[in-house]
Amino acid sequence: MSLIERAPAKANDRGMRDDLDASGPIGSIDWTQFANCKGKTYLFFAPKAERPQARARREAKAKSLCDACIVQSDCREFARTNREYGYWGGESEEDRHVLGFTVAAPIGIRGAKYRPTEVANS
């Protein structure tokens, strides 16, 4: 259970609940509104034809945001459950793969074992 889910319900001057208790698309509390990465998707999803060195730099920046995020565990669980691509909750696609979680379509290193091997006819 995350820090956000344990927060007590609060009412404003008019007796209405505040934003902390709002229901969102992901659960009873929309944890995405509290994420450090909000508005910074360029750090969490690879651009086309990204080089390995650029990926390492991008993911290092993403990791620094994730490490200080109060909804990191919710984010990580969402990515694992929904087989998400990208960097979520301090984990890359490769990290999730190594831990036994899969993505919808294998790519990169994961995809290599699914590719048919070429047989030399010489």
C-alpha atoms as a PDB file:
ATOM      1  CA  MET A   1       0.000   0.000   0.000  1.00  0.00           C
ATOM      2  CA  SER A   2       1.460   3.322  -1.007  1.00  0.00           C
ATOM      3  CA  LEU A   3       1.774   6.542   0.966  1.00  0.00           C
ATOM      4  CA  ILE A   4      -1.039   8.098  -1.066  1.00  0.00           C
ATOM      5  CA  GLU A   5      -3.508   5.281  -0.327  1.00  0.00           C
ATOM      6  CA  ARG A   6      -2.917   5.617   3.404  1.00  0.00           C
ATOM      7  CA  ALA A   7      -3.670   9.348   3.423  1.00  0.00           C
ATOM      8  CA  PRO A   8      -6.813  10.217   5.410  1.00  0.00           C
ATOM      9  CA  ALA A   9      -9.800  11.739   3.642  1.00  0.00           C
ATOM     10  CA  LYS A  10     -10.095  15.501   4.061  1.00  0.00           C
ATOM     11  CA  ALA A  11     -12.961  17.878   3.422  1.00  0.00           C
ATOM     12  CA  ASN A  12     -12.706  21.503   2.320  1.00  0.00           C
ATOM     13  CA  ASP A  13     -14.760  24.490   3.571  1.00  0.00           C
ATOM     14  CA  ARG A  14     -17.832  23.360   1.642  1.00  0.00           C
ATOM     15  CA  GLY A  15     -17.715  19.801   2.975  1.00  0.00           C
ATOM     16  CA  MET A  16     -16.440  18.392  -0.320  1.00  0.00           C
ATOM     17  CA  ARG A  17     -13.484  16.055  -0.658  1.00  0.00           C
ATOM     18  CA  ASP A  18     -10.186  17.509  -1.831  1.00  0.00           C
ATOM     19  CA  ASP A  19      -8.176  16.294  -4.839  1.00  0.00           C
ATOM     20  CA  LEU A  20      -6.292  13.713  -2.773  1.00  0.00           C
ATOM     21  CA  ASP A  21      -9.480  11.649  -2.550  1.00  0.00           C
ATOM     22  CA  ALA A  22     -10.470  11.992  -6.207  1.00  0.00           C
ATOM     23  CA  SER A  23     -11.080   8.885  -8.223  1.00  0.00           C
ATOM     24  CA  GLY A  24      -8.981   8.442 -11.331  1.00  0.00           C
ATOM     25  CA  PRO A  25      -8.670   6.154 -14.325  1.00  0.00           C
ATOM     26  CA  ILE A  26      -6.185   3.820 -12.645  1.00  0.00           C
ATOM     27  CA  GLY A  27      -7.828   3.212  -9.278  1.00  0.00           C
ATOM     28  CA  SER A  28      -9.601   4.725  -6.344  1.00  0.00           C
ATOM     29  CA  ILE A  29      -6.865   7.363  -6.210  1.00  0.00           C
ATOM     30  CA  ASP A  30      -5.243   8.560  -9.419  1.00  0.00           C
ATOM     31  CA  TRP A  31      -1.611   8.176  -8.344  1.00  0.00           C
ATOM     32  CA  THR A  32      -0.377   9.682 -11.634  1.00  0.00           C
ATOM     33  CA  GLN A  33      -1.241  13.191 -10.464  1.00  0.00           C
ATOM     34  CA  PHE A  34       1.451  12.870  -7.767  1.00  0.00           C
ATOM     35  CA  ALA A  35       4.199  11.467 -10.017  1.00  0.00           C
ATOM     36  CA  ASN A  36       7.497  13.330 -10.420  1.00  0.00           C
ATOM     37  CA  CYS A  37       7.547  12.446 -14.112  1.00  0.00           C
ATOM     38  CA  LYS A  38       4.374  14.326 -14.932  1.00  0.00           C
ATOM     39  CA  GLY A  39       5.030  16.271 -18.148  1.00  0.00           C
ATOM     40  CA  LYS A  40       8.424  14.628 -18.755  1.00  0.00           C
ATOM     41  CA  THR A  41       7.500  11.623 -20.893  1.00  0.00           C
ATOM     42  CA  TYR A  42      10.500  12.219 -23.171  1.00  0.00           C
ATOM     43  CA  LEU A  43      12.693  10.790 -20.387  1.00  0.00           C
ATOM     44  CA  PHE A  44      10.659   7.630 -19.937  1.00  0.00           C
ATOM     45  CA  PHE A  45      10.023   6.456 -23.498  1.00  0.00           C
ATOM     46  CA  ALA A  46      12.743   5.872 -26.075  1.00  0.00           C
ATOM     47  CA  PRO A  47      12.713   7.849 -29.314  1.00  0.00           C
ATOM     48  CA  LYS A  48      13.046   5.925 -32.560  1.00  0.00           C
ATOM     49  CA  ALA A  49      16.569   4.614 -33.259  1.00  0.00           C
ATOM     50  CA  GLU A  50      17.964   5.659 -29.870  1.00  0.00           C
ATOM     51  CA  ARG A  51      21.603   4.697 -29.382  1.00  0.00           C
ATOM     52  CA  PRO A  52      22.618   2.671 -26.317  1.00  0.00           C
ATOM     53  CA  GLN A  53      24.678   5.528 -24.818  1.00  0.00           C
ATOM     54  CA  ALA A  54      21.778   7.968 -25.218  1.00  0.00           C
ATOM     55  CA  ARG A  55      19.419   5.441 -23.648  1.00  0.00           C
ATOM     56  CA  ALA A  56      21.728   5.046 -20.651  1.00  0.00           C
ATOM     57  CA  ARG A  57      21.831   8.836 -20.128  1.00  0.00           C
ATOM     58  CA  ARG A  58      18.052   9.197 -20.558  1.00  0.00           C
ATOM     59  CA  GLU A  59      17.294   6.341 -18.164  1.00  0.00           C
ATOM     60  CA  ALA A  60      19.740   7.728 -15.573  1.00  0.00           C
ATOM     61  CA  LYS A  61      17.776  10.993 -15.567  1.00  0.00           C
ATOM     62  CA  ALA A  62      14.499   9.063 -15.350  1.00  0.00           C
ATOM     63  CA  LYS A  63      15.854   6.979 -12.465  1.00  0.00           C
ATOM     64  CA  SER A  64      16.754  10.099 -10.488  1.00  0.00           C
ATOM     65  CA  LEU A  65      13.142  11.286 -10.763  1.00  0.00           C
ATOM     66  CA  CYS A  66      11.773   7.844  -9.870  1.00  0.00           C
ATOM     67  CA  ASP A  67      14.029   7.452  -6.834  1.00  0.00           C
ATOM     68  CA  ALA A  68      12.523  10.585  -5.266  1.00  0.00           C
ATOM     69  CA  CYS A  69       8.914   9.850  -6.285  1.00  0.00           C
ATOM     70  CA  ILE A  70       6.259   9.103  -3.656  1.00  0.00           C
ATOM     71  CA  VAL A  71       4.235   6.898  -6.039  1.00  0.00           C
ATOM     72  CA  GLN A  72       7.132   4.796  -7.322  1.00  0.00           C
ATOM     73  CA  SER A  73       5.696   1.484  -6.063  1.00  0.00           C
ATOM     74  CA  ASP A  74       2.275   2.191  -7.629  1.00  0.00           C
ATOM     75  CA  CYS A  75       3.951   3.067 -10.928  1.00  0.00           C
ATOM     76  CA  ARG A  76       6.140  -0.044 -10.890  1.00  0.00           C
ATOM     77  CA  GLU A  77       3.164  -2.288 -10.113  1.00  0.00           C
ATOM     78  CA  PHE A  78       1.124  -0.697 -12.910  1.00  0.00           C
ATOM     79  CA  ALA A  79       3.895  -1.332 -15.452  1.00  0.00           C
ATOM     80  CA  ARG A  80       4.372  -4.925 -14.361  1.00  0.00           C
ATOM     81  CA  THR A  81       0.643  -5.695 -14.373  1.00  0.00           C
ATOM     82  CA  ASN A  82      -0.099  -3.999 -17.694  1.00  0.00           C
ATOM     83  CA  ARG A  83       3.042  -5.127 -19.553  1.00  0.00           C
ATOM     84  CA  GLU A  84       4.086  -1.551 -20.268  1.00  0.00           C
ATOM     85  CA  TYR A  85       6.950  -0.364 -22.438  1.00  0.00           C
ATOM     86  CA  GLY A  86       9.281   2.375 -21.251  1.00  0.00           C
ATOM     87  CA  TYR A  87      10.796   3.291 -17.924  1.00  0.00           C
ATOM     88  CA  TRP A  88       8.273   2.958 -15.070  1.00  0.00           C
ATOM     89  CA  GLY A  89       8.765   3.049 -11.308  1.00  0.00           C
ATOM     90  CA  GLY A  90      12.534   2.926 -11.525  1.00  0.00           C
ATOM     91  CA  GLU A  91      12.556  -0.081 -13.883  1.00  0.00           C
ATOM     92  CA  SER A  92      13.323  -0.350 -17.582  1.00  0.00           C
ATOM     93  CA  GLU A  93      11.717  -2.910 -19.887  1.00  0.00           C
ATOM     94  CA  GLU A  94      14.874  -5.013 -19.562  1.00  0.00           C
ATOM     95  CA  ASP A  95      14.736  -4.843 -15.747  1.00  0.00           C
ATOM     96  CA  ARG A  96      11.151  -6.100 -15.769  1.00  0.00           C
ATOM     97  CA  HIS A  97      12.051  -8.844 -18.243  1.00  0.00           C
ATOM     98  CA  VAL A  98      14.906 -10.090 -16.039  1.00  0.00           C
ATOM     99  CA  LEU A  99      12.502 -10.191 -13.078  1.00  0.00           C
ATOM    100  CA  GLY A 100      10.097 -12.380 -15.080  1.00  0.00           C
ATOM    101  CA  PHE A 101       7.565  -9.789 -16.198  1.00  0.00           C
ATOM    102  CA  THR A 102       6.796  -9.653 -19.907  1.00  0.00           C
ATOM    103  CA  VAL A 103       5.793  -6.977 -22.378  1.00  0.00           C
ATOM    104  CA  ALA A 104       3.159  -7.428 -25.087  1.00  0.00           C
ATOM    105  CA  ALA A 105       5.585  -7.874 -28.011  1.00  0.00           C
ATOM    106  CA  PRO A 106       9.243  -8.832 -27.526  1.00  0.00           C
ATOM    107  CA  ILE A 107      11.777  -6.288 -28.757  1.00  0.00           C
ATOM    108  CA  GLY A 108      15.515  -5.750 -28.473  1.00  0.00           C
ATOM    109  CA  ILE A 109      17.415  -8.384 -26.526  1.00  0.00           C
ATOM    110  CA  ARG A 110      14.178 -10.110 -25.505  1.00  0.00           C
ATOM    111  CA  GLY A 111      13.118 -10.447 -29.127  1.00  0.00           C
ATOM    112  CA  ALA A 112      16.323 -12.181 -30.191  1.00  0.00           C
ATOM    113  CA  LYS A 113      15.210 -15.551 -28.840  1.00  0.00           C
ATOM    114  CA  TYR A 114      11.964 -15.325 -30.834  1.00  0.00           C
ATOM    115  CA  ARG A 115      13.593 -14.563 -34.188  1.00  0.00           C
ATOM    116  CA  PRO A 116      14.071 -17.528 -36.533  1.00  0.00           C
ATOM    117  CA  THR A 117      17.699 -18.372 -37.068  1.00  0.00           C
ATOM    118  CA  GLU A 118      19.015 -18.336 -40.616  1.00  0.00           C
ATOM    119  CA  VAL A 119      20.282 -21.634 -41.886  1.00  0.00           C
ATOM    120  CA  ALA A 120      23.277 -21.431 -44.187  1.00  0.00           C
ATOM    121  CA  ASN A 121      22.775 -23.476 -47.346  1.00  0.00           C
ATOM    122  CA  SER A 122      26.418 -23.803 -48.295  1.00  0.00           C
END
